[in-house]
Amino acid sequence: MTLTDTEYAYLRSELGDADRSDLDARYQRLGTLQAVAVEVLRERRATLVSDPLAVTVQGVATVSNTEKVRALERQIAGLLAAAVTSEAPLGPLPLLRRRSR
């Protein structure tokens, strides 16, 4: 079971730039697009949290990753909530064009 181009495009829309072979391996192991996206996002969050969330150089600059961690947590929660409330599998949906007059 490998990712189709449409499934890969969906994961890229959720995750940004990602290695296709890595996503393929995760998809084979986990079985759903939602599980792949959540696992990648959780790894990104863990990487940010493992380092200091804020670094200050007195009088020069402050760099904080707190908002990035919160954004990842919101995205993870959104994916999990969508999977729970939706009976349809989470994944790419076809776009339909309205007929022009």
C-alpha atoms as a PDB file:
ATOM      1  CA  MET A   1       0.000   0.000   0.000  1.00  0.00           C
ATOM      2  CA  THR A   2       1.753   3.123  -1.231  1.00  0.00           C
ATOM      3  CA  LEU A   3       0.573   6.705  -1.415  1.00  0.00           C
ATOM      4  CA  THR A   4      -1.157   7.854  -4.554  1.00  0.00           C
ATOM      5  CA  ASP A   5      -0.325  11.274  -5.971  1.00  0.00           C
ATOM      6  CA  THR A   6      -3.585  12.633  -4.553  1.00  0.00           C
ATOM      7  CA  GLU A   7      -2.881  11.271  -1.065  1.00  0.00           C
ATOM      8  CA  TYR A   8       0.656  12.641  -1.177  1.00  0.00           C
ATOM      9  CA  ALA A   9      -0.699  16.044  -2.211  1.00  0.00           C
ATOM     10  CA  TYR A  10      -3.104  15.977   0.729  1.00  0.00           C
ATOM     11  CA  LEU A  11      -0.299  15.172   3.184  1.00  0.00           C
ATOM     12  CA  ARG A  12       1.820  17.959   1.722  1.00  0.00           C
ATOM     13  CA  SER A  13      -1.071  20.369   2.221  1.00  0.00           C
ATOM     14  CA  GLU A  14      -1.196  19.384   5.913  1.00  0.00           C
ATOM     15  CA  LEU A  15       2.532  19.039   6.560  1.00  0.00           C
ATOM     16  CA  GLY A  16       4.325  21.222   4.071  1.00  0.00           C
ATOM     17  CA  ASP A  17       7.383  19.847   2.325  1.00  0.00           C
ATOM     18  CA  ALA A  18       7.927  16.211   3.316  1.00  0.00           C
ATOM     19  CA  ASP A  19       9.895  13.275   1.976  1.00  0.00           C
ATOM     20  CA  ARG A  20       7.610  10.985  -0.022  1.00  0.00           C
ATOM     21  CA  SER A  21       9.481   7.779   0.832  1.00  0.00           C
ATOM     22  CA  ASP A  22       9.239   8.599   4.553  1.00  0.00           C
ATOM     23  CA  LEU A  23       5.495   9.259   4.223  1.00  0.00           C
ATOM     24  CA  ASP A  24       5.069   6.033   2.217  1.00  0.00           C
ATOM     25  CA  ALA A  25       6.776   4.001   4.959  1.00  0.00           C
ATOM     26  CA  ARG A  26       4.625   5.622   7.645  1.00  0.00           C
ATOM     27  CA  TYR A  27       1.463   5.032   5.589  1.00  0.00           C
ATOM     28  CA  GLN A  28       2.304   1.341   5.193  1.00  0.00           C
ATOM     29  CA  ARG A  29       2.893   1.033   8.942  1.00  0.00           C
ATOM     30  CA  LEU A  30      -0.025   3.176  10.200  1.00  0.00           C
ATOM     31  CA  GLY A  31      -2.641   2.615   7.483  1.00  0.00           C
ATOM     32  CA  THR A  32      -4.366   6.026   7.407  1.00  0.00           C
ATOM     33  CA  LEU A  33      -3.490   9.480   6.155  1.00  0.00           C
ATOM     34  CA  GLN A  34      -4.677  11.036   9.396  1.00  0.00           C
ATOM     35  CA  ALA A  35      -2.360   8.843  11.481  1.00  0.00           C
ATOM     36  CA  VAL A  36       0.596   9.744   9.257  1.00  0.00           C
ATOM     37  CA  ALA A  37      -0.116  13.478   9.546  1.00  0.00           C
ATOM     38  CA  VAL A  38      -0.574  13.311  13.319  1.00  0.00           C
ATOM     39  CA  GLU A  39       2.638  11.315  13.814  1.00  0.00           C
ATOM     40  CA  VAL A  40       4.714  13.777  11.766  1.00  0.00           C
ATOM     41  CA  LEU A  41       3.198  16.769  13.573  1.00  0.00           C
ATOM     42  CA  ARG A  42       3.817  15.180  16.978  1.00  0.00           C
ATOM     43  CA  GLU A  43       7.466  14.574  16.054  1.00  0.00           C
ATOM     44  CA  ARG A  44       7.818  18.214  15.009  1.00  0.00           C
ATOM     45  CA  ARG A  45       6.271  19.339  18.300  1.00  0.00           C
ATOM     46  CA  ALA A  46       8.596  17.045  20.275  1.00  0.00           C
ATOM     47  CA  THR A  47      11.620  18.482  18.459  1.00  0.00           C
ATOM     48  CA  LEU A  48      10.592  22.034  19.342  1.00  0.00           C
ATOM     49  CA  VAL A  49       9.848  21.169  22.975  1.00  0.00           C
ATOM     50  CA  SER A  50      13.138  19.312  23.466  1.00  0.00           C
ATOM     51  CA  ASP A  51      15.059  22.574  22.988  1.00  0.00           C
ATOM     52  CA  PRO A  52      14.549  25.727  25.059  1.00  0.00           C
ATOM     53  CA  LEU A  53      11.313  27.376  23.900  1.00  0.00           C
ATOM     54  CA  ALA A  54      12.765  30.867  24.215  1.00  0.00           C
ATOM     55  CA  VAL A  55      16.284  32.229  23.901  1.00  0.00           C
ATOM     56  CA  THR A  56      17.145  35.828  24.780  1.00  0.00           C
ATOM     57  CA  VAL A  57      20.330  37.698  24.001  1.00  0.00           C
ATOM     58  CA  GLN A  58      20.125  40.606  26.429  1.00  0.00           C
ATOM     59  CA  GLY A  59      19.399  43.839  24.611  1.00  0.00           C
ATOM     60  CA  VAL A  60      19.701  42.222  21.159  1.00  0.00           C
ATOM     61  CA  ALA A  61      16.961  39.728  20.376  1.00  0.00           C
ATOM     62  CA  THR A  62      14.524  37.164  21.710  1.00  0.00           C
ATOM     63  CA  VAL A  63      13.555  34.054  19.779  1.00  0.00           C
ATOM     64  CA  SER A  64      10.525  32.084  20.971  1.00  0.00           C
ATOM     65  CA  ASN A  65       9.036  28.868  19.611  1.00  0.00           C
ATOM     66  CA  THR A  66       6.050  28.901  21.962  1.00  0.00           C
ATOM     67  CA  GLU A  67       3.576  29.965  19.277  1.00  0.00           C
ATOM     68  CA  LYS A  68       4.903  27.324  16.879  1.00  0.00           C
ATOM     69  CA  VAL A  69       4.277  24.643  19.517  1.00  0.00           C
ATOM     70  CA  ARG A  70       0.757  25.967  20.115  1.00  0.00           C
ATOM     71  CA  ALA A  71       0.049  26.022  16.380  1.00  0.00           C
ATOM     72  CA  LEU A  72       1.186  22.399  16.029  1.00  0.00           C
ATOM     73  CA  GLU A  73      -0.994  21.399  18.986  1.00  0.00           C
ATOM     74  CA  ARG A  74      -4.030  23.113  17.400  1.00  0.00           C
ATOM     75  CA  GLN A  75      -3.365  21.386  14.081  1.00  0.00           C
ATOM     76  CA  ILE A  76      -3.048  17.985  15.778  1.00  0.00           C
ATOM     77  CA  ALA A  77      -6.249  18.568  17.747  1.00  0.00           C
ATOM     78  CA  GLY A  78      -8.051  19.597  14.556  1.00  0.00           C
ATOM     79  CA  LEU A  79      -6.981  16.449  12.736  1.00  0.00           C
ATOM     80  CA  LEU A  80      -7.998  14.235  15.638  1.00  0.00           C
ATOM     81  CA  ALA A  81     -11.353  15.992  16.056  1.00  0.00           C
ATOM     82  CA  ALA A  82     -12.085  15.740  12.334  1.00  0.00           C
ATOM     83  CA  ALA A  83     -11.348  12.015  12.413  1.00  0.00           C
ATOM     84  CA  VAL A  84     -13.657  11.464  15.396  1.00  0.00           C
ATOM     85  CA  THR A  85     -16.608  13.490  14.074  1.00  0.00           C
ATOM     86  CA  SER A  86     -16.355  12.328  10.491  1.00  0.00           C
ATOM     87  CA  GLU A  87     -17.580   8.952   9.327  1.00  0.00           C
ATOM     88  CA  ALA A  88     -15.814   9.400   5.991  1.00  0.00           C
ATOM     89  CA  PRO A  89     -12.073   8.742   5.939  1.00  0.00           C
ATOM     90  CA  LEU A  90      -9.933  11.839   6.312  1.00  0.00           C
ATOM     91  CA  GLY A  91      -8.126  12.552   3.084  1.00  0.00           C
ATOM     92  CA  PRO A  92      -8.205  14.427  -0.157  1.00  0.00           C
ATOM     93  CA  LEU A  93     -11.559  15.434  -1.581  1.00  0.00           C
ATOM     94  CA  PRO A  94     -12.248  16.288  -5.210  1.00  0.00           C
ATOM     95  CA  LEU A  95     -13.044  19.907  -5.973  1.00  0.00           C
ATOM     96  CA  LEU A  96     -16.141  20.472  -8.022  1.00  0.00           C
ATOM     97  CA  ARG A  97     -16.463  23.471 -10.296  1.00  0.00           C
ATOM     98  CA  ARG A  98     -19.660  25.375 -10.514  1.00  0.00           C
ATOM     99  CA  ARG A  99     -21.170  25.571 -13.928  1.00  0.00           C
ATOM    100  CA  SER A 100     -20.720  28.947 -15.553  1.00  0.00           C
ATOM    101  CA  ARG A 101     -23.765  30.699 -16.871  1.00  0.00           C
END
